[in-house]
PDB file of N, CA and C in Angstrom:
ATOM      1  N   SER A   1     -30.619 157.998 -58.947  1.00  0.00           N
ATOM      2  CA  SER A   1     -29.733 156.897 -59.193  1.00  0.00           C
ATOM      3  C   SER A   1     -28.397 157.363 -59.710  1.00  0.00           C
ATOM      4  N   VAL A   2     -27.357 156.597 -59.653  1.00  0.00           N
ATOM      5  CA  VAL A   2     -26.019 156.980 -60.130  1.00  0.00           C
ATOM      6  C   VAL A   2     -26.059 157.378 -61.598  1.00  0.00           C
ATOM      7  N   GLY A   3     -26.674 156.554 -62.417  1.00  0.00           N
ATOM      8  CA  GLY A   3     -26.708 156.767 -63.814  1.00  0.00           C
ATOM      9  C   GLY A   3     -27.420 158.067 -64.192  1.00  0.00           C
ATOM     10  N   ASP A   4     -28.441 158.475 -63.400  1.00  0.00           N
ATOM     11  CA  ASP A   4     -29.196 159.660 -63.665  1.00  0.00           C
ATOM     12  C   ASP A   4     -28.407 160.906 -63.266  1.00  0.00           C
ATOM     13  N   ASP A   5     -27.510 160.809 -62.321  1.00  0.00           N
ATOM     14  CA  ASP A   5     -26.764 161.986 -61.820  1.00  0.00           C
ATOM     15  C   ASP A   5     -25.640 162.405 -62.703  1.00  0.00           C
ATOM     16  N   VAL A   6     -25.155 161.524 -63.520  1.00  0.00           N
ATOM     17  CA  VAL A   6     -23.943 161.868 -64.361  1.00  0.00           C
ATOM     18  C   VAL A   6     -24.209 161.492 -65.747  1.00  0.00           C
ATOM     19  N   GLY A   7     -23.334 161.908 -66.649  1.00  0.00           N
ATOM     20  CA  GLY A   7     -23.485 161.628 -68.113  1.00  0.00           C
ATOM     21  C   GLY A   7     -23.301 160.204 -68.418  1.00  0.00           C
ATOM     22  N   GLU A   8     -23.694 159.885 -69.671  1.00  0.00           N
ATOM     23  CA  GLU A   8     -23.685 158.494 -70.146  1.00  0.00           C
ATOM     24  C   GLU A   8     -22.317 157.875 -70.093  1.00  0.00           C
ATOM     25  N   SER A   9     -21.264 158.668 -70.447  1.00  0.00           N
ATOM     26  CA  SER A   9     -19.916 158.127 -70.391  1.00  0.00           C
ATOM     27  C   SER A   9     -19.467 157.759 -68.973  1.00  0.00           C
ATOM     28  N   VAL A  10     -19.951 158.507 -68.005  1.00  0.00           N
ATOM     29  CA  VAL A  10     -19.672 158.198 -66.623  1.00  0.00           C
ATOM     30  C   VAL A  10     -20.314 156.842 -66.241  1.00  0.00           C
ATOM     31  N   GLY A  11     -21.528 156.596 -66.768  1.00  0.00           N
ATOM     32  CA  GLY A  11     -22.193 155.369 -66.480  1.00  0.00           C
ATOM     33  C   GLY A  11     -21.387 154.174 -67.086  1.00  0.00           C
ATOM     34  N   ASP A  12     -20.780 154.372 -68.254  1.00  0.00           N
ATOM     35  CA  ASP A  12     -19.946 153.352 -68.844  1.00  0.00           C
ATOM     36  C   ASP A  12     -18.712 153.070 -67.947  1.00  0.00           C
ATOM     37  N   ASP A  13     -18.127 154.167 -67.406  1.00  0.00           N
ATOM     38  CA  ASP A  13     -16.967 154.015 -66.530  1.00  0.00           C
ATOM     39  C   ASP A  13     -17.355 153.277 -65.243  1.00  0.00           C
ATOM     40  N   VAL A  14     -18.526 153.538 -64.725  1.00  0.00           N
ATOM     41  CA  VAL A  14     -18.984 152.828 -63.525  1.00  0.00           C
ATOM     42  C   VAL A  14     -19.090 151.373 -63.776  1.00  0.00           C
ATOM     43  N   GLY A  15     -19.666 150.958 -64.878  1.00  0.00           N
ATOM     44  CA  GLY A  15     -19.762 149.489 -65.210  1.00  0.00           C
ATOM     45  C   GLY A  15     -18.391 148.882 -65.287  1.00  0.00           C
ATOM     46  N   PHE A  16     -17.445 149.535 -65.887  1.00  0.00           N
ATOM     47  CA  PHE A  16     -16.105 148.998 -66.044  1.00  0.00           C
ATOM     48  C   PHE A  16     -15.459 148.801 -64.688  1.00  0.00           C
ATOM     49  N   ALA A  17     -15.467 149.848 -63.888  1.00  0.00           N
ATOM     50  CA  ALA A  17     -14.763 149.798 -62.609  1.00  0.00           C
ATOM     51  C   ALA A  17     -15.453 148.916 -61.551  1.00  0.00           C
ATOM     52  N   VAL A  18     -16.748 148.937 -61.532  1.00  0.00           N
ATOM     53  CA  VAL A  18     -17.440 148.159 -60.529  1.00  0.00           C
ATOM     54  C   VAL A  18     -17.512 146.678 -60.942  1.00  0.00           C
ATOM     55  N   GLY A  19     -17.515 146.476 -62.270  1.00  0.00           N
ATOM     56  CA  GLY A  19     -17.525 145.058 -62.741  1.00  0.00           C
ATOM     57  C   GLY A  19     -18.955 144.499 -62.729  1.00  0.00           C
ATOM     58  N   ILE A  20     -19.952 145.347 -62.923  1.00  0.00           N
ATOM     59  CA  ILE A  20     -21.303 144.904 -63.028  1.00  0.00           C
ATOM     60  C   ILE A  20     -21.965 145.535 -64.241  1.00  0.00           C
ATOM     61  N   LYS A  21     -23.095 144.972 -64.650  1.00  0.00           N
ATOM     62  CA  LYS A  21     -23.884 145.650 -65.647  1.00  0.00           C
ATOM     63  C   LYS A  21     -24.598 146.807 -65.051  1.00  0.00           C
ATOM     64  N   VAL A  22     -24.423 148.020 -65.559  1.00  0.00           N
ATOM     65  CA  VAL A  22     -25.021 149.178 -64.992  1.00  0.00           C
ATOM     66  C   VAL A  22     -26.430 149.352 -65.491  1.00  0.00           C
ATOM     67  N   GLY A  23     -27.364 149.558 -64.600  1.00  0.00           N
ATOM     68  CA  GLY A  23     -28.777 149.798 -64.892  1.00  0.00           C
ATOM     69  C   GLY A  23     -29.300 150.744 -63.872  1.00  0.00           C
ATOM     70  N   GLU A  24     -30.569 150.909 -63.866  1.00  0.00           N
ATOM     71  CA  GLU A  24     -31.135 151.839 -62.842  1.00  0.00           C
ATOM     72  C   GLU A  24     -31.009 151.205 -61.479  1.00  0.00           C
ATOM     73  N   LEU A  25     -30.610 151.992 -60.523  1.00  0.00           N
ATOM     74  CA  LEU A  25     -30.476 151.553 -59.151  1.00  0.00           C
ATOM     75  C   LEU A  25     -31.577 152.115 -58.266  1.00  0.00           C
ATOM     76  N   ASP A  26     -32.181 151.336 -57.476  1.00  0.00           N
ATOM     77  CA  ASP A  26     -33.209 151.802 -56.563  1.00  0.00           C
ATOM     78  C   ASP A  26     -32.523 152.363 -55.337  1.00  0.00           C
ATOM     79  N   GLU A  27     -32.796 153.677 -55.066  1.00  0.00           N
ATOM     80  CA  GLU A  27     -32.121 154.315 -53.927  1.00  0.00           C
ATOM     81  C   GLU A  27     -32.782 154.019 -52.602  1.00  0.00           C
ATOM     82  N   LYS A  28     -33.909 153.335 -52.603  1.00  0.00           N
ATOM     83  CA  LYS A  28     -34.554 152.986 -51.339  1.00  0.00           C
ATOM     84  C   LYS A  28     -33.734 151.821 -50.700  1.00  0.00           C
ATOM     85  N   GLU A  29     -33.482 151.930 -49.412  1.00  0.00           N
ATOM     86  CA  GLU A  29     -32.730 150.890 -48.742  1.00  0.00           C
ATOM     87  C   GLU A  29     -33.625 149.666 -48.523  1.00  0.00           C
ATOM     88  N   ASP A  30     -33.150 148.516 -48.973  1.00  0.00           N
ATOM     89  CA  ASP A  30     -33.859 147.296 -48.762  1.00  0.00           C
ATOM     90  C   ASP A  30     -33.204 146.617 -47.536  1.00  0.00           C
ATOM     91  N   LEU A  31     -33.822 146.673 -46.409  1.00  0.00           N
ATOM     92  CA  LEU A  31     -33.242 146.151 -45.165  1.00  0.00           C
ATOM     93  C   LEU A  31     -33.001 144.655 -45.258  1.00  0.00           C
ATOM     94  N   GLY A  32     -33.663 143.944 -46.162  1.00  0.00           N
ATOM     95  CA  GLY A  32     -33.423 142.524 -46.343  1.00  0.00           C
ATOM     96  C   GLY A  32     -32.080 142.285 -46.941  1.00  0.00           C
ATOM     97  N   ASN A  33     -31.466 143.269 -47.494  1.00  0.00           N
ATOM     98  CA  ASN A  33     -30.150 143.113 -48.123  1.00  0.00           C
ATOM     99  C   ASN A  33     -28.974 143.668 -47.343  1.00  0.00           C
ATOM    100  N   VAL A  34     -29.233 144.043 -46.084  1.00  0.00           N
ATOM    101  CA  VAL A  34     -28.162 144.591 -45.231  1.00  0.00           C
ATOM    102  C   VAL A  34     -27.213 143.397 -44.918  1.00  0.00           C
ATOM    103  N   ILE A  35     -25.906 143.728 -45.076  1.00  0.00           N
ATOM    104  CA  ILE A  35     -24.877 142.741 -44.799  1.00  0.00           C
ATOM    105  C   ILE A  35     -24.499 142.774 -43.360  1.00  0.00           C
ATOM    106  N   ASP A  36     -24.287 141.597 -42.783  1.00  0.00           N
ATOM    107  CA  ASP A  36     -23.880 141.515 -41.391  1.00  0.00           C
ATOM    108  C   ASP A  36     -22.319 141.410 -41.388  1.00  0.00           C
ATOM    109  N   ASP A  37     -21.669 142.530 -40.987  1.00  0.00           N
ATOM    110  CA  ASP A  37     -20.231 142.624 -40.999  1.00  0.00           C
ATOM    111  C   ASP A  37     -19.571 141.567 -40.149  1.00  0.00           C
ATOM    112  N   GLU A  38     -20.175 141.202 -39.044  1.00  0.00           N
ATOM    113  CA  GLU A  38     -19.573 140.195 -38.151  1.00  0.00           C
ATOM    114  C   GLU A  38     -19.482 138.859 -38.816  1.00  0.00           C
ATOM    115  N   LYS A  39     -20.520 138.502 -39.587  1.00  0.00           N
ATOM    116  CA  LYS A  39     -20.531 137.191 -40.295  1.00  0.00           C
ATOM    117  C   LYS A  39     -19.457 137.148 -41.382  1.00  0.00           C
ATOM    118  N   LEU A  40     -19.266 138.302 -42.057  1.00  0.00           N
ATOM    119  CA  LEU A  40     -18.288 138.359 -43.143  1.00  0.00           C
ATOM    120  C   LEU A  40     -16.882 138.694 -42.659  1.00  0.00           C
ATOM    121  N   GLY A  41     -16.732 139.107 -41.406  1.00  0.00           N
ATOM    122  CA  GLY A  41     -15.411 139.469 -40.900  1.00  0.00           C
ATOM    123  C   GLY A  41     -14.930 140.789 -41.416  1.00  0.00           C
ATOM    124  N   LEU A  42     -15.815 141.619 -41.851  1.00  0.00           N
ATOM    125  CA  LEU A  42     -15.405 142.935 -42.413  1.00  0.00           C
ATOM    126  C   LEU A  42     -15.058 143.958 -41.327  1.00  0.00           C
ATOM    127  N   ASP A  43     -15.332 143.628 -40.059  1.00  0.00           N
ATOM    128  CA  ASP A  43     -15.077 144.606 -39.001  1.00  0.00           C
ATOM    129  C   ASP A  43     -13.671 144.508 -38.470  1.00  0.00           C
ATOM    130  N   ASP A  44     -12.797 143.706 -39.041  1.00  0.00           N
ATOM    131  CA  ASP A  44     -11.415 143.611 -38.571  1.00  0.00           C
ATOM    132  C   ASP A  44     -10.653 144.808 -39.094  1.00  0.00           C
ATOM    133  N   GLU A  45     -10.407 145.739 -38.210  1.00  0.00           N
ATOM    134  CA  GLU A  45      -9.741 147.013 -38.627  1.00  0.00           C
ATOM    135  C   GLU A  45      -8.353 146.762 -39.210  1.00  0.00           C
ATOM    136  N   GLU A  46      -7.581 145.815 -38.715  1.00  0.00           N
ATOM    137  CA  GLU A  46      -6.236 145.630 -39.205  1.00  0.00           C
ATOM    138  C   GLU A  46      -6.201 145.127 -40.646  1.00  0.00           C
ATOM    139  N   ASP A  47      -7.244 144.482 -41.117  1.00  0.00           N
ATOM    140  CA  ASP A  47      -7.289 144.002 -42.486  1.00  0.00           C
ATOM    141  C   ASP A  47      -7.893 144.989 -43.455  1.00  0.00           C
ATOM    142  N   ASP A  48      -8.453 146.054 -42.918  1.00  0.00           N
ATOM    143  CA  ASP A  48      -9.131 147.024 -43.753  1.00  0.00           C
ATOM    144  C   ASP A  48      -8.186 148.233 -43.980  1.00  0.00           C
ATOM    145  N   VAL A  49      -7.169 148.002 -44.795  1.00  0.00           N
ATOM    146  CA  VAL A  49      -6.161 149.047 -45.072  1.00  0.00           C
ATOM    147  C   VAL A  49      -6.730 150.066 -46.081  1.00  0.00           C
ATOM    148  N   ASP A  50      -6.061 151.198 -46.143  1.00  0.00           N
ATOM    149  CA  ASP A  50      -6.419 152.244 -47.117  1.00  0.00           C
ATOM    150  C   ASP A  50      -5.787 151.896 -48.444  1.00  0.00           C
ATOM    151  N   LEU A  51      -6.546 152.001 -49.478  1.00  0.00           N
ATOM    152  CA  LEU A  51      -6.036 151.895 -50.841  1.00  0.00           C
ATOM    153  C   LEU A  51      -6.197 153.226 -51.542  1.00  0.00           C
ATOM    154  N   ILE A  52      -5.359 153.469 -52.487  1.00  0.00           N
ATOM    155  CA  ILE A  52      -5.401 154.714 -53.274  1.00  0.00           C
ATOM    156  C   ILE A  52      -5.796 154.376 -54.716  1.00  0.00           C
ATOM    157  N   LEU A  53      -6.945 154.834 -55.134  1.00  0.00           N
ATOM    158  CA  LEU A  53      -7.454 154.629 -56.476  1.00  0.00           C
ATOM    159  C   LEU A  53      -7.062 155.875 -57.279  1.00  0.00           C
ATOM    160  N   ILE A  54      -6.416 155.715 -58.393  1.00  0.00           N
ATOM    161  CA  ILE A  54      -5.889 156.832 -59.153  1.00  0.00           C
ATOM    162  C   ILE A  54      -6.624 156.978 -60.497  1.00  0.00           C
ATOM    163  N   SER A  55      -7.262 158.086 -60.745  1.00  0.00           N
ATOM    164  CA  SER A  55      -8.024 158.302 -61.967  1.00  0.00           C
ATOM    165  C   SER A  55      -7.094 158.602 -63.104  1.00  0.00           C
ATOM    166  N   LYS A  56      -7.701 158.746 -64.325  1.00  0.00           N
ATOM    167  CA  LYS A  56      -6.893 159.016 -65.509  1.00  0.00           C
ATOM    168  C   LYS A  56      -6.246 160.385 -65.459  1.00  0.00           C
ATOM    169  N   GLU A  57      -6.831 161.275 -64.644  1.00  0.00           N
ATOM    170  CA  GLU A  57      -6.242 162.647 -64.472  1.00  0.00           C
ATOM    171  C   GLU A  57      -5.224 162.628 -63.304  1.00  0.00           C
ATOM    172  N   ASP A  58      -4.878 161.478 -62.814  1.00  0.00           N
ATOM    173  CA  ASP A  58      -3.941 161.296 -61.691  1.00  0.00           C
ATOM    174  C   ASP A  58      -4.419 161.828 -60.384  1.00  0.00           C
ATOM    175  N   LYS A  59      -5.727 161.981 -60.231  1.00  0.00           N
ATOM    176  CA  LYS A  59      -6.310 162.414 -58.967  1.00  0.00           C
ATOM    177  C   LYS A  59      -6.427 161.136 -58.103  1.00  0.00           C
ATOM    178  N   GLU A  60      -6.016 161.271 -56.809  1.00  0.00           N
ATOM    179  CA  GLU A  60      -5.996 160.129 -55.921  1.00  0.00           C
ATOM    180  C   GLU A  60      -7.177 160.159 -54.974  1.00  0.00           C
ATOM    181  N   PHE A  61      -7.805 158.949 -54.820  1.00  0.00           N
ATOM    182  CA  PHE A  61      -8.969 158.812 -53.919  1.00  0.00           C
ATOM    183  C   PHE A  61      -8.585 157.708 -52.927  1.00  0.00           C
ATOM    184  N   VAL A  62      -8.640 158.026 -51.647  1.00  0.00           N
ATOM    185  CA  VAL A  62      -8.315 157.067 -50.587  1.00  0.00           C
ATOM    186  C   VAL A  62      -9.624 156.337 -50.211  1.00  0.00           C
ATOM    187  N   VAL A  63      -9.554 155.003 -50.274  1.00  0.00           N
ATOM    188  CA  VAL A  63     -10.747 154.162 -50.065  1.00  0.00           C
ATOM    189  C   VAL A  63     -10.313 152.953 -49.193  1.00  0.00           C
ATOM    190  N   LYS A  64     -11.164 152.547 -48.298  1.00  0.00           N
ATOM    191  CA  LYS A  64     -10.889 151.349 -47.477  1.00  0.00           C
ATOM    192  C   LYS A  64     -10.961 150.119 -48.414  1.00  0.00           C
ATOM    193  N   LYS A  65     -10.087 149.151 -48.150  1.00  0.00           N
ATOM    194  CA  LYS A  65     -10.014 147.931 -48.937  1.00  0.00           C
ATOM    195  C   LYS A  65     -11.360 147.251 -49.013  1.00  0.00           C
ATOM    196  N   SER A  66     -12.074 147.172 -47.884  1.00  0.00           N
ATOM    197  CA  SER A  66     -13.351 146.476 -47.796  1.00  0.00           C
ATOM    198  C   SER A  66     -14.361 147.112 -48.777  1.00  0.00           C
ATOM    199  N   VAL A  67     -14.220 148.377 -49.054  1.00  0.00           N
ATOM    200  CA  VAL A  67     -15.114 149.071 -50.019  1.00  0.00           C
ATOM    201  C   VAL A  67     -14.609 148.802 -51.416  1.00  0.00           C
ATOM    202  N   ALA A  68     -13.318 149.005 -51.630  1.00  0.00           N
ATOM    203  CA  ALA A  68     -12.780 148.874 -52.980  1.00  0.00           C
ATOM    204  C   ALA A  68     -12.926 147.497 -53.580  1.00  0.00           C
ATOM    205  N   ILE A  69     -12.823 146.429 -52.746  1.00  0.00           N
ATOM    206  CA  ILE A  69     -12.935 145.100 -53.356  1.00  0.00           C
ATOM    207  C   ILE A  69     -14.328 144.697 -53.735  1.00  0.00           C
ATOM    208  N   MET A  70     -15.323 145.568 -53.530  1.00  0.00           N
ATOM    209  CA  MET A  70     -16.623 145.294 -54.050  1.00  0.00           C
ATOM    210  C   MET A  70     -16.566 145.442 -55.597  1.00  0.00           C
ATOM    211  N   SER A  71     -15.577 146.163 -56.116  1.00  0.00           N
ATOM    212  CA  SER A  71     -15.366 146.190 -57.559  1.00  0.00           C
ATOM    213  C   SER A  71     -14.595 144.915 -57.922  1.00  0.00           C
ATOM    214  N   LEU A  72     -15.123 144.167 -58.854  1.00  0.00           N
ATOM    215  CA  LEU A  72     -14.465 142.939 -59.293  1.00  0.00           C
ATOM    216  C   LEU A  72     -13.144 143.256 -59.929  1.00  0.00           C
ATOM    217  N   TYR A  73     -13.075 144.379 -60.587  1.00  0.00           N
ATOM    218  CA  TYR A  73     -11.828 144.785 -61.291  1.00  0.00           C
ATOM    219  C   TYR A  73     -10.747 144.986 -60.214  1.00  0.00           C
ATOM    220  N   VAL A  74     -11.053 145.714 -59.215  1.00  0.00           N
ATOM    221  CA  VAL A  74     -10.080 145.989 -58.123  1.00  0.00           C
ATOM    222  C   VAL A  74      -9.741 144.730 -57.373  1.00  0.00           C
ATOM    223  N   LYS A  75     -10.754 143.931 -57.078  1.00  0.00           N
ATOM    224  CA  LYS A  75     -10.575 142.713 -56.370  1.00  0.00           C
ATOM    225  C   LYS A  75      -9.595 141.774 -57.162  1.00  0.00           C
ATOM    226  N   ASN A  76      -9.803 141.659 -58.420  1.00  0.00           N
ATOM    227  CA  ASN A  76      -8.927 140.844 -59.249  1.00  0.00           C
ATOM    228  C   ASN A  76      -7.464 141.378 -59.284  1.00  0.00           C
ATOM    229  N   LEU A  77      -7.304 142.719 -59.316  1.00  0.00           N
ATOM    230  CA  LEU A  77      -5.977 143.272 -59.245  1.00  0.00           C
ATOM    231  C   LEU A  77      -5.304 142.937 -57.931  1.00  0.00           C
ATOM    232  N   LEU A  78      -6.056 142.985 -56.853  1.00  0.00           N
ATOM    233  CA  LEU A  78      -5.469 142.695 -55.511  1.00  0.00           C
ATOM    234  C   LEU A  78      -5.218 141.229 -55.365  1.00  0.00           C
ATOM    235  N   ASP A  79      -5.976 140.413 -56.026  1.00  0.00           N
ATOM    236  CA  ASP A  79      -5.699 138.957 -56.027  1.00  0.00           C
ATOM    237  C   ASP A  79      -4.341 138.655 -56.640  1.00  0.00           C
ATOM    238  N   LEU A  80      -3.960 139.419 -57.635  1.00  0.00           N
ATOM    239  CA  LEU A  80      -2.679 139.250 -58.336  1.00  0.00           C
ATOM    240  C   LEU A  80      -1.515 139.789 -57.495  1.00  0.00           C
ATOM    241  N   ASP A  81      -1.728 140.893 -56.805  1.00  0.00           N
ATOM    242  CA  ASP A  81      -0.727 141.536 -55.957  1.00  0.00           C
ATOM    243  C   ASP A  81      -1.311 142.034 -54.713  1.00  0.00           C
ATOM    244  N   GLU A  82      -1.310 141.224 -53.654  1.00  0.00           N
ATOM    245  CA  GLU A  82      -1.915 141.582 -52.394  1.00  0.00           C
ATOM    246  C   GLU A  82      -1.271 142.726 -51.687  1.00  0.00           C
ATOM    247  N   GLU A  83      -0.065 143.048 -52.001  1.00  0.00           N
ATOM    248  CA  GLU A  83       0.675 144.103 -51.304  1.00  0.00           C
ATOM    249  C   GLU A  83       0.412 145.487 -51.831  1.00  0.00           C
ATOM    250  N   THR A  84      -0.166 145.572 -53.039  1.00  0.00           N
ATOM    251  CA  THR A  84      -0.316 146.853 -53.672  1.00  0.00           C
ATOM    252  C   THR A  84      -1.317 147.721 -52.939  1.00  0.00           C
ATOM    253  N   THR A  85      -1.024 149.025 -52.811  1.00  0.00           N
ATOM    254  CA  THR A  85      -1.971 149.928 -52.211  1.00  0.00           C
ATOM    255  C   THR A  85      -2.377 151.067 -53.176  1.00  0.00           C
ATOM    256  N   ASN A  86      -1.615 151.233 -54.272  1.00  0.00           N
ATOM    257  CA  ASN A  86      -1.926 152.239 -55.260  1.00  0.00           C
ATOM    258  C   ASN A  86      -2.457 151.495 -56.527  1.00  0.00           C
ATOM    259  N   ILE A  87      -3.693 151.865 -56.939  1.00  0.00           N
ATOM    260  CA  ILE A  87      -4.320 151.191 -58.003  1.00  0.00           C
ATOM    261  C   ILE A  87      -4.693 152.211 -59.106  1.00  0.00           C
ATOM    262  N   PRO A  88      -3.896 152.257 -60.215  1.00  0.00           N
ATOM    263  CA  PRO A  88      -4.191 153.156 -61.278  1.00  0.00           C
ATOM    264  C   PRO A  88      -5.396 152.688 -62.079  1.00  0.00           C
ATOM    265  N   LEU A  89      -6.281 153.578 -62.407  1.00  0.00           N
ATOM    266  CA  LEU A  89      -7.458 153.289 -63.274  1.00  0.00           C
ATOM    267  C   LEU A  89      -7.404 154.243 -64.394  1.00  0.00           C
ATOM    268  N   PRO A  90      -6.551 154.042 -65.417  1.00  0.00           N
ATOM    269  CA  PRO A  90      -6.310 154.979 -66.441  1.00  0.00           C
ATOM    270  C   PRO A  90      -7.508 155.203 -67.385  1.00  0.00           C
ATOM    271  N   GLN A  91      -8.534 154.398 -67.307  1.00  0.00           N
ATOM    272  CA  GLN A  91      -9.697 154.576 -68.185  1.00  0.00           C
ATOM    273  C   GLN A  91     -10.838 155.257 -67.489  1.00  0.00           C
ATOM    274  N   ILE A  92     -10.667 155.607 -66.181  1.00  0.00           N
ATOM    275  CA  ILE A  92     -11.733 156.171 -65.358  1.00  0.00           C
ATOM    276  C   ILE A  92     -11.442 157.613 -65.062  1.00  0.00           C
ATOM    277  N   SER A  93     -12.410 158.476 -65.420  1.00  0.00           N
ATOM    278  CA  SER A  93     -12.243 159.918 -65.122  1.00  0.00           C
ATOM    279  C   SER A  93     -12.414 160.142 -63.624  1.00  0.00           C
ATOM    280  N   SER A  94     -11.941 161.258 -63.114  1.00  0.00           N
ATOM    281  CA  SER A  94     -12.092 161.607 -61.755  1.00  0.00           C
ATOM    282  C   SER A  94     -13.545 161.724 -61.371  1.00  0.00           C
ATOM    283  N   GLU A  95     -14.315 162.396 -62.264  1.00  0.00           N
ATOM    284  CA  GLU A  95     -15.765 162.559 -61.960  1.00  0.00           C
ATOM    285  C   GLU A  95     -16.443 161.180 -61.790  1.00  0.00           C
ATOM    286  N   ALA A  96     -16.108 160.257 -62.760  1.00  0.00           N
ATOM    287  CA  ALA A  96     -16.719 158.925 -62.650  1.00  0.00           C
ATOM    288  C   ALA A  96     -16.258 158.166 -61.427  1.00  0.00           C
ATOM    289  N   LEU A  97     -14.944 158.241 -61.130  1.00  0.00           N
ATOM    290  CA  LEU A  97     -14.405 157.505 -59.955  1.00  0.00           C
ATOM    291  C   LEU A  97     -15.051 158.026 -58.696  1.00  0.00           C
ATOM    292  N   GLU A  98     -15.306 159.289 -58.600  1.00  0.00           N
ATOM    293  CA  GLU A  98     -15.944 159.843 -57.397  1.00  0.00           C
ATOM    294  C   GLU A  98     -17.356 159.196 -57.252  1.00  0.00           C
ATOM    295  N   LYS A  99     -18.089 159.053 -58.326  1.00  0.00           N
ATOM    296  CA  LYS A  99     -19.417 158.486 -58.263  1.00  0.00           C
ATOM    297  C   LYS A  99     -19.360 156.972 -57.972  1.00  0.00           C
ATOM    298  N   ILE A 100     -18.341 156.305 -58.553  1.00  0.00           N
ATOM    299  CA  ILE A 100     -18.110 154.903 -58.285  1.00  0.00           C
ATOM    300  C   ILE A 100     -17.863 154.601 -56.814  1.00  0.00           C
ATOM    301  N   ILE A 101     -17.002 155.435 -56.233  1.00  0.00           N
ATOM    302  CA  ILE A 101     -16.663 155.305 -54.809  1.00  0.00           C
ATOM    303  C   ILE A 101     -17.920 155.590 -53.968  1.00  0.00           C
ATOM    304  N   GLU A 102     -18.664 156.559 -54.311  1.00  0.00           N
ATOM    305  CA  GLU A 102     -19.883 156.842 -53.630  1.00  0.00           C
ATOM    306  C   GLU A 102     -20.855 155.649 -53.620  1.00  0.00           C
ATOM    307  N   TRP A 103     -20.951 154.996 -54.820  1.00  0.00           N
ATOM    308  CA  TRP A 103     -21.806 153.821 -54.936  1.00  0.00           C
ATOM    309  C   TRP A 103     -21.313 152.675 -54.145  1.00  0.00           C
ATOM    310  N   LEU A 104     -19.966 152.436 -54.203  1.00  0.00           N
ATOM    311  CA  LEU A 104     -19.353 151.345 -53.435  1.00  0.00           C
ATOM    312  C   LEU A 104     -19.544 151.537 -51.920  1.00  0.00           C
ATOM    313  N   GLU A 105     -19.322 152.759 -51.440  1.00  0.00           N
ATOM    314  CA  GLU A 105     -19.518 153.042 -49.999  1.00  0.00           C
ATOM    315  C   GLU A 105     -20.891 152.796 -49.565  1.00  0.00           C
ATOM    316  N   TYR A 106     -21.878 153.259 -50.367  1.00  0.00           N
ATOM    317  CA  TYR A 106     -23.291 153.049 -50.021  1.00  0.00           C
ATOM    318  C   TYR A 106     -23.605 151.558 -49.979  1.00  0.00           C
ATOM    319  N   HIS A 107     -23.129 150.824 -50.902  1.00  0.00           N
ATOM    320  CA  HIS A 107     -23.438 149.389 -51.021  1.00  0.00           C
ATOM    321  C   HIS A 107     -22.538 148.498 -50.235  1.00  0.00           C
ATOM    322  N   LYS A 108     -21.640 149.055 -49.450  1.00  0.00           N
ATOM    323  CA  LYS A 108     -20.804 148.232 -48.552  1.00  0.00           C
ATOM    324  C   LYS A 108     -21.685 147.535 -47.507  1.00  0.00           C
ATOM    325  N   ARG A 109     -22.685 148.244 -47.077  1.00  0.00           N
ATOM    326  CA  ARG A 109     -23.576 147.654 -46.030  1.00  0.00           C
ATOM    327  C   ARG A 109     -24.941 147.184 -46.612  1.00  0.00           C
ATOM    328  N   ILE A 110     -25.311 147.664 -47.767  1.00  0.00           N
ATOM    329  CA  ILE A 110     -26.596 147.302 -48.377  1.00  0.00           C
ATOM    330  C   ILE A 110     -26.300 146.754 -49.747  1.00  0.00           C
ATOM    331  N   MET A 111     -26.514 145.449 -49.931  1.00  0.00           N
ATOM    332  CA  MET A 111     -26.262 144.760 -51.130  1.00  0.00           C
ATOM    333  C   MET A 111     -27.113 145.341 -52.299  1.00  0.00           C
ATOM    334  N   PRO A 112     -26.560 145.553 -53.455  1.00  0.00           N
ATOM    335  CA  PRO A 112     -27.333 146.056 -54.574  1.00  0.00           C
ATOM    336  C   PRO A 112     -28.283 144.960 -55.048  1.00  0.00           C
ATOM    337  N   ARG A 113     -29.423 145.373 -55.549  1.00  0.00           N
ATOM    338  CA  ARG A 113     -30.356 144.346 -55.988  1.00  0.00           C
ATOM    339  C   ARG A 113     -29.846 143.835 -57.392  1.00  0.00           C
ATOM    340  N   GLN A 114     -30.250 142.637 -57.748  1.00  0.00           N
ATOM    341  CA  GLN A 114     -29.850 142.048 -58.991  1.00  0.00           C
ATOM    342  C   GLN A 114     -30.478 142.810 -60.130  1.00  0.00           C
ATOM    343  N   ILE A 115     -29.735 142.994 -61.193  1.00  0.00           N
ATOM    344  CA  ILE A 115     -30.249 143.661 -62.382  1.00  0.00           C
ATOM    345  C   ILE A 115     -30.654 142.547 -63.333  1.00  0.00           C
ATOM    346  N   PRO A 116     -31.887 142.534 -63.769  1.00  0.00           N
ATOM    347  CA  PRO A 116     -32.413 141.519 -64.645  1.00  0.00           C
ATOM    348  C   PRO A 116     -31.765 141.485 -65.984  1.00  0.00           C
TER     349      PRO A 116
END
C-alpha cells in the first residue's frame, strides 16, 4: 500500500494533496469499482490537458488533468482558476508527490474503496 511504501510524513502529505483520509489501501483491483470513461466523458482528449504539479523542492511533475482533479485540493484550485496549468504544492515533498501521482493514476480507472 502507499502508506507502507513511504515514511509517515509522506502519508500525511498524501492525505493533504489527495484530499482524503489516508488509511490502508487494498492493492487488489475490485472490478466492481472500475469507472466507465465513456459515461463520465473522461475520454475527451481535448479536455484532458497536461498540468504541472510543482513540489516544495520545485520539481515539476506533468500530469493529465483528469488524473490531477481526483485530488480535491487540485480540483478546488482549478475551480477558482480554470486556465491555470502550473500548480504549486509548497507543502508536498517531491518523494510524496511522486507517490501521490502514482496513487491518482492507479485510481483514475479503479475507484478507491471507502475508508471507514
